[in-house]
Amino acid sequence: MAVLDADHVARPNFLINTLGYFDDPRVALVQTPQDFYNLESFEHSRTAARDGFNEQLLFYRGILAGKNRWQAAFWCGTNALLRVQALKEVGGVATETVTEDIHTSIRLHATGWRTVYHNEVLARGLAAAGAGQYLLQRHRWGTGAMQVLKADNPLTAPGLTLPQRLAYAFTLLGWFDAWRSLGYLMVPVGVLLTGAVPIHAPLRSFALAFVATFTLQQLALWLLGRGWQRPWLAILFDVVRLPSNLAATMTLFGRRTTQFQVTPKGRTGERPRRTPAPRILSAVVVVSGLAAVWFVATVAGRTPLHYGVRAAASWRQAGSRSTWRW
């Protein structure tokens, strides 16, 4: 059974290049990448007209291919083929969550079925055109991940291998990265409002450690991402989807039932227009601005606070030797 979203168009060789995997009687799913033909969408980079680069490219061309190595590639909703017999064996498509694709995949793997990721674009569809669509879509995906954690947590569900548990946990728990991002945004505010500096080391030592760590990190991402990783674009989207991801993770602790909500696209989607900034991001900007004003006032001696390290660095005389302290 081939599954395609209504806004996706399959290439003529879609079935030719995927049906052969089902010669293995234990293969339940063959998933292919998602790619998009509306290159002016919110998810695409400014160079998309030349290279087709979009925010989901790293996942579909790098990460999911890696999961395939550990028999942990999962159904992504569209551009896939499924064996009907396998679906019947697990009770059909899992409709208890709004991310029925990954939920069904967990049940297939738990009962011993195999999955295959065919890393070739064989169908293209519509990406979220605007920020509103994008945030709505990510909130649904994140909410579904929380529902899966409550319904069939891969860390405890029987039948999965250790690599499969780790692969699923990486995907489902990855939505909590939003809290890490929020923490990064609030660290400067905390430093300016309290004067507590989280780093205390000579400038030379700190700079050496920071440059070495940052360089190795980016090199690892570049190598593991097979060229599909763009650091600054990843950071930008980490901030953009912060509000939807935070809201989605909070549903893990609630009892309210979330219904599936289709992302409006095409003629039913929103017309290109500037989307109002989410309240939490506006609040972060306002608080950061107030912290900056507080810092200036403190340096000018207008507040009771004293910075042991002004502007994150201070000049200290130590006998005949001067050193920077961070």
Protein backbone atom coordinates (compact mmCIF):
# COMPACT_ATOMS: atom_id res chain seq x y z
CA MET A 1 0.00 0.00 0.00
CA ALA A 2 1.54 3.29 -1.11
CA VAL A 3 0.92 6.32 1.11
CA LEU A 4 1.20 9.89 -0.20
CA ASP A 5 -0.03 13.12 1.33
CA ALA A 6 -2.60 14.94 -0.76
CA ASP A 7 -0.10 17.70 -1.60
CA HIS A 8 2.62 15.28 -2.77
CA VAL A 9 3.31 14.11 -6.31
CA ALA A 10 5.19 10.86 -6.94
CA ARG A 11 7.78 10.50 -9.67
CA PRO A 12 7.09 7.84 -12.36
CA ASN A 13 9.75 5.52 -10.86
CA PHE A 14 8.39 5.68 -7.31
CA LEU A 15 7.14 2.07 -7.27
CA ILE A 16 9.88 0.73 -9.54
CA ASN A 17 12.61 1.83 -7.12
CA THR A 18 10.91 0.67 -3.92
CA LEU A 19 8.82 -2.47 -4.51
CA GLY A 20 11.88 -4.71 -4.77
CA TYR A 21 12.55 -4.44 -1.05
CA PHE A 22 9.38 -6.41 -0.37
CA ASP A 23 11.03 -9.55 -1.75
CA ASP A 24 12.13 -9.86 1.87
CA PRO A 25 8.97 -11.20 3.57
CA ARG A 26 9.88 -9.46 6.85
CA VAL A 27 9.98 -5.95 5.36
CA ALA A 28 6.90 -4.01 6.49
CA LEU A 29 7.84 -0.50 5.41
CA VAL A 30 9.89 1.29 2.77
CA GLN A 31 10.23 5.00 3.47
CA THR A 32 11.67 7.59 1.06
CA PRO A 33 12.69 11.20 1.80
CA GLN A 34 10.32 14.14 1.89
CA ASP A 35 11.26 16.97 -0.41
CA PHE A 36 9.36 20.04 -1.61
CA TYR A 37 8.73 21.94 -4.81
CA ASN A 38 7.58 25.30 -3.35
CA LEU A 39 11.13 26.60 -2.98
CA GLU A 40 9.92 29.97 -1.68
CA SER A 41 8.44 28.41 1.46
CA PHE A 42 9.27 29.43 5.02
CA GLU A 43 11.36 26.28 5.44
CA HIS A 44 13.66 26.95 2.49
CA SER A 45 16.90 28.90 2.56
CA ARG A 46 17.62 31.84 0.29
CA THR A 47 19.73 29.55 -1.88
CA ALA A 48 16.89 27.06 -2.38
CA ALA A 49 16.36 28.04 -6.02
CA ARG A 50 19.89 26.80 -6.66
CA ASP A 51 20.32 23.88 -4.24
CA GLY A 52 16.81 23.15 -2.89
CA PHE A 53 18.07 23.46 0.69
CA ASN A 54 15.35 23.31 3.35
CA GLU A 55 15.14 22.91 7.11
CA GLN A 56 14.21 19.21 6.96
CA LEU A 57 17.03 18.18 4.64
CA LEU A 58 19.47 17.05 7.34
CA PHE A 59 16.88 14.75 8.89
CA TYR A 60 15.77 13.11 5.66
CA ARG A 61 19.12 12.83 3.90
CA GLY A 62 21.39 12.24 6.90
CA ILE A 63 19.73 11.33 10.20
CA LEU A 64 17.08 8.92 8.93
CA ALA A 65 19.67 7.20 6.75
CA GLY A 66 21.72 6.68 9.90
CA LYS A 67 18.73 5.20 11.72
CA ASN A 68 18.33 2.76 8.85
CA ARG A 69 21.74 1.30 9.73
CA TRP A 70 20.31 0.20 13.10
CA GLN A 71 16.94 -1.03 11.78
CA ALA A 72 15.27 2.03 13.29
CA ALA A 73 14.03 3.93 10.23
CA PHE A 74 10.39 4.83 10.77
CA TRP A 75 7.33 5.79 8.76
CA CYS A 76 7.17 9.55 8.15
CA GLY A 77 3.56 9.71 7.01
CA THR A 78 4.04 10.16 3.28
CA ASN A 79 6.22 8.90 0.41
CA ALA A 80 6.16 5.37 1.82
CA LEU A 81 5.01 1.83 1.06
CA LEU A 82 3.61 -0.48 3.74
CA ARG A 83 2.84 -4.19 3.74
CA VAL A 84 -0.86 -4.68 4.52
CA GLN A 85 -0.17 -7.99 6.30
CA ALA A 86 2.18 -6.23 8.71
CA LEU A 87 -0.39 -3.53 9.47
CA LYS A 88 -3.02 -6.17 10.19
CA GLU A 89 -0.63 -7.94 12.55
CA VAL A 90 -0.20 -4.83 14.72
CA GLY A 91 -3.89 -3.91 14.69
CA GLY A 92 -3.76 -1.42 11.83
CA VAL A 93 -2.49 2.13 11.84
CA ALA A 94 -2.07 3.46 15.38
CA THR A 95 -4.71 6.17 15.72
CA GLU A 96 -4.33 6.80 19.45
CA THR A 97 -1.85 9.61 18.76
CA VAL A 98 -1.67 12.44 16.22
CA THR A 99 1.66 11.08 14.91
CA GLU A 100 0.31 7.76 13.75
CA ASP A 101 3.34 7.15 11.53
CA ILE A 102 6.12 6.85 14.12
CA HIS A 103 3.70 5.23 16.59
CA THR A 104 2.83 2.51 14.07
CA SER A 105 6.54 2.04 13.30
CA ILE A 106 7.31 1.32 16.98
CA ARG A 107 4.65 -1.40 17.00
CA LEU A 108 5.98 -2.89 13.77
CA HIS A 109 9.53 -3.04 15.12
CA ALA A 110 8.33 -4.43 18.45
CA THR A 111 6.73 -7.39 16.66
CA GLY A 112 9.83 -8.16 14.62
CA TRP A 113 9.03 -6.48 11.32
CA ARG A 114 11.84 -4.79 9.38
CA THR A 115 11.85 -1.32 7.83
CA VAL A 116 13.93 0.13 5.00
CA TYR A 117 14.88 3.71 4.25
CA HIS A 118 15.48 4.28 0.54
CA ASN A 119 17.50 7.51 0.43
CA GLU A 120 16.34 8.83 -2.95
CA VAL A 121 13.80 11.59 -3.56
CA LEU A 122 10.91 9.92 -5.38
CA ALA A 123 8.10 12.35 -4.52
CA ARG A 124 7.78 16.03 -3.74
CA GLY A 125 5.14 18.02 -1.90
CA LEU A 126 4.33 21.36 -0.31
CA ALA A 127 6.35 22.68 2.60
CA ALA A 128 4.82 25.03 5.16
CA ALA A 129 4.54 28.33 3.30
CA GLY A 130 4.59 30.68 6.30
CA ALA A 131 5.69 30.83 9.92
CA GLY A 132 2.15 30.17 11.17
CA GLN A 133 1.88 26.94 9.20
CA TYR A 134 5.35 25.90 10.26
CA LEU A 135 4.68 26.40 13.98
CA LEU A 136 1.30 24.64 13.76
CA GLN A 137 2.92 21.66 12.06
CA ARG A 138 5.78 21.43 14.56
CA HIS A 139 3.38 21.71 17.50
CA ARG A 140 1.38 18.78 16.15
CA TRP A 141 4.50 16.68 15.64
CA GLY A 142 5.81 17.53 19.11
CA THR A 143 2.45 16.85 20.75
CA GLY A 144 2.29 13.51 18.96
CA ALA A 145 5.76 12.65 20.26
CA MET A 146 4.57 13.29 23.82
CA GLN A 147 1.51 11.12 23.24
CA VAL A 148 3.72 8.29 21.95
CA LEU A 149 5.92 8.55 25.05
CA LYS A 150 2.83 8.01 27.18
CA ALA A 151 1.24 5.31 25.02
CA ASP A 152 4.19 3.18 23.83
CA ASN A 153 7.39 4.56 25.33
CA PRO A 154 10.22 3.03 23.26
CA LEU A 155 12.48 2.93 26.32
CA THR A 156 10.17 0.46 28.03
CA ALA A 157 8.06 -1.09 25.25
CA PRO A 158 8.85 -4.82 24.86
CA GLY A 159 10.33 -6.25 21.66
CA LEU A 160 12.65 -3.41 20.60
CA THR A 161 16.41 -3.79 20.28
CA LEU A 162 18.72 -1.45 22.20
CA PRO A 163 19.71 0.53 19.05
CA GLN A 164 16.02 0.93 18.19
CA ARG A 165 15.23 2.19 21.69
CA LEU A 166 18.03 4.74 21.51
CA ALA A 167 17.06 5.86 18.00
CA TYR A 168 13.42 6.38 18.92
CA ALA A 169 14.32 8.08 22.20
CA PHE A 170 16.60 10.50 20.34
CA THR A 171 13.72 11.49 18.07
CA LEU A 172 10.97 11.72 20.69
CA LEU A 173 13.02 13.36 23.44
CA GLY A 174 14.61 15.76 20.95
CA TRP A 175 11.59 18.02 21.33
CA PHE A 176 12.85 18.95 24.80
CA ASP A 177 15.79 20.73 23.15
CA ALA A 178 13.55 23.80 23.24
CA TRP A 179 14.13 24.07 26.99
CA ARG A 180 17.89 23.99 26.42
CA SER A 181 17.56 26.76 23.82
CA LEU A 182 15.46 28.84 26.20
CA GLY A 183 18.12 28.34 28.86
CA TYR A 184 20.82 29.61 26.51
CA LEU A 185 18.77 32.72 25.79
CA MET A 186 18.26 33.41 29.49
CA VAL A 187 21.85 32.89 30.67
CA PRO A 188 22.98 36.42 29.63
CA VAL A 189 19.92 37.88 31.35
CA GLY A 190 20.73 35.99 34.54
CA VAL A 191 24.34 37.17 34.46
CA LEU A 192 23.39 40.83 33.96
CA LEU A 193 20.65 40.85 36.59
CA THR A 194 22.59 38.97 39.29
CA GLY A 195 26.24 39.60 38.51
CA ALA A 196 26.94 35.86 38.80
CA VAL A 197 29.41 34.97 36.04
CA PRO A 198 29.24 31.27 35.06
CA ILE A 199 32.81 31.21 33.70
CA HIS A 200 35.91 32.08 35.71
CA ALA A 201 39.13 31.40 33.82
CA PRO A 202 42.03 33.29 32.23
CA LEU A 203 41.05 34.63 28.81
CA ARG A 204 43.77 32.65 27.05
CA SER A 205 42.68 29.36 28.58
CA PHE A 206 39.00 30.01 27.97
CA ALA A 207 39.55 31.11 24.36
CA LEU A 208 41.68 28.06 23.61
CA ALA A 209 39.14 25.67 25.11
CA PHE A 210 36.19 27.40 23.43
CA VAL A 211 37.74 27.55 19.95
CA ALA A 212 38.90 23.93 20.14
CA THR A 213 35.51 22.66 21.34
CA PHE A 214 33.48 24.72 18.88
CA THR A 215 35.69 23.71 15.94
CA LEU A 216 35.53 20.00 16.78
CA GLN A 217 31.77 20.22 17.25
CA GLN A 218 31.20 21.86 13.87
CA LEU A 219 33.58 19.42 12.19
CA ALA A 220 31.69 16.48 13.68
CA LEU A 221 28.35 17.92 12.52
CA TRP A 222 29.74 18.51 9.03
CA LEU A 223 31.10 14.97 8.75
CA LEU A 224 28.07 13.24 10.25
CA GLY A 225 25.67 15.46 8.29
CA ARG A 226 27.25 14.47 4.97
CA GLY A 227 27.07 18.07 3.83
CA TRP A 228 23.40 18.53 4.73
CA GLN A 229 24.13 20.48 7.93
CA ARG A 230 24.09 24.28 7.91
CA PRO A 231 24.90 25.49 11.44
CA TRP A 232 23.48 29.02 11.30
CA LEU A 233 20.24 27.89 9.66
CA ALA A 234 19.88 25.21 12.36
CA ILE A 235 20.34 27.80 15.12
CA LEU A 236 17.79 30.10 13.48
CA PHE A 237 15.12 27.39 13.33
CA ASP A 238 15.93 26.29 16.89
CA VAL A 239 14.80 29.75 17.99
CA VAL A 240 11.87 29.98 15.56
CA ARG A 241 10.25 26.72 16.70
CA LEU A 242 10.95 27.38 20.38
CA PRO A 243 7.35 28.44 21.24
CA SER A 244 5.66 25.48 19.53
CA ASN A 245 8.11 22.95 20.97
CA LEU A 246 7.79 24.31 24.51
CA ALA A 247 4.01 24.11 24.28
CA ALA A 248 4.17 20.61 22.82
CA THR A 249 6.39 19.23 25.60
CA MET A 250 4.04 20.61 28.25
CA THR A 251 1.29 18.31 26.93
CA LEU A 252 3.27 15.36 28.32
CA PHE A 253 2.06 16.37 31.77
CA GLY A 254 -1.54 17.13 30.86
CA ARG A 255 -4.60 14.97 30.35
CA ARG A 256 -6.25 17.00 27.62
CA THR A 257 -6.82 15.05 24.40
CA THR A 258 -5.33 16.66 21.29
CA GLN A 259 -7.06 16.08 17.97
CA PHE A 260 -5.27 15.86 14.63
CA GLN A 261 -5.14 19.23 12.88
CA VAL A 262 -4.17 19.38 9.22
CA THR A 263 -1.52 21.94 8.30
CA PRO A 264 -3.17 24.39 5.86
CA LYS A 265 -1.28 24.47 2.58
CA GLY A 266 -1.85 25.48 -1.01
CA ARG A 267 -5.16 27.24 -1.61
CA THR A 268 -6.25 26.63 1.98
CA GLY A 269 -3.01 27.98 3.43
CA GLU A 270 -2.32 31.47 4.60
CA ARG A 271 -1.27 34.09 2.10
CA PRO A 272 2.31 35.34 2.37
CA ARG A 273 2.36 37.90 5.15
CA ARG A 274 4.38 38.76 8.20
CA THR A 275 3.40 36.52 11.10
CA PRO A 276 3.28 38.20 14.53
CA ALA A 277 6.18 37.15 16.74
CA PRO A 278 5.20 34.56 19.37
CA ARG A 279 4.71 36.05 22.83
CA ILE A 280 7.51 34.10 24.46
CA LEU A 281 10.07 35.33 21.92
CA SER A 282 8.82 38.89 22.35
CA ALA A 283 9.14 38.45 26.11
CA VAL A 284 12.73 37.20 25.75
CA VAL A 285 13.59 40.31 23.69
CA VAL A 286 11.97 42.65 26.23
CA VAL A 287 13.64 40.98 29.23
CA SER A 288 17.00 41.00 27.44
CA GLY A 289 16.59 44.71 26.72
CA LEU A 290 15.76 45.46 30.35
CA ALA A 291 18.78 43.43 31.47
CA ALA A 292 20.99 45.46 29.16
CA VAL A 293 19.65 48.71 30.63
CA TRP A 294 20.23 47.31 34.13
CA PHE A 295 23.81 46.47 33.16
CA VAL A 296 24.50 50.00 31.92
CA ALA A 297 22.99 51.47 35.08
CA THR A 298 25.05 49.13 37.26
CA VAL A 299 28.29 50.02 35.51
CA ALA A 300 27.40 53.69 36.00
CA GLY A 301 26.92 53.03 39.73
CA ARG A 302 23.17 53.62 39.67
CA THR A 303 22.16 50.26 41.17
CA PRO A 304 23.17 48.42 44.37
CA LEU A 305 24.59 45.56 42.27
CA HIS A 306 28.35 45.21 41.72
CA TYR A 307 29.83 43.25 38.82
CA GLY A 308 32.97 41.44 39.85
CA VAL A 309 33.63 41.05 36.13
CA ARG A 310 32.51 44.04 34.05
CA ALA A 311 31.34 43.26 30.55
CA ALA A 312 32.20 39.62 31.25
CA ALA A 313 35.89 40.56 31.63
CA SER A 314 37.91 42.73 34.00
CA TRP A 315 41.48 43.91 34.27
CA ARG A 316 43.19 42.76 37.44
CA GLN A 317 46.61 43.71 38.76
CA ALA A 318 48.42 40.79 40.38
CA GLY A 319 51.75 42.11 41.61
CA SER A 320 53.80 42.94 38.51
CA ARG A 321 51.66 40.74 36.29
CA SER A 322 48.34 41.71 34.66
CA THR A 323 45.82 39.07 33.57
CA TRP A 324 42.33 38.97 32.10
CA ARG A 325 39.80 37.17 34.24
CA TRP A 326 36.50 35.74 32.88
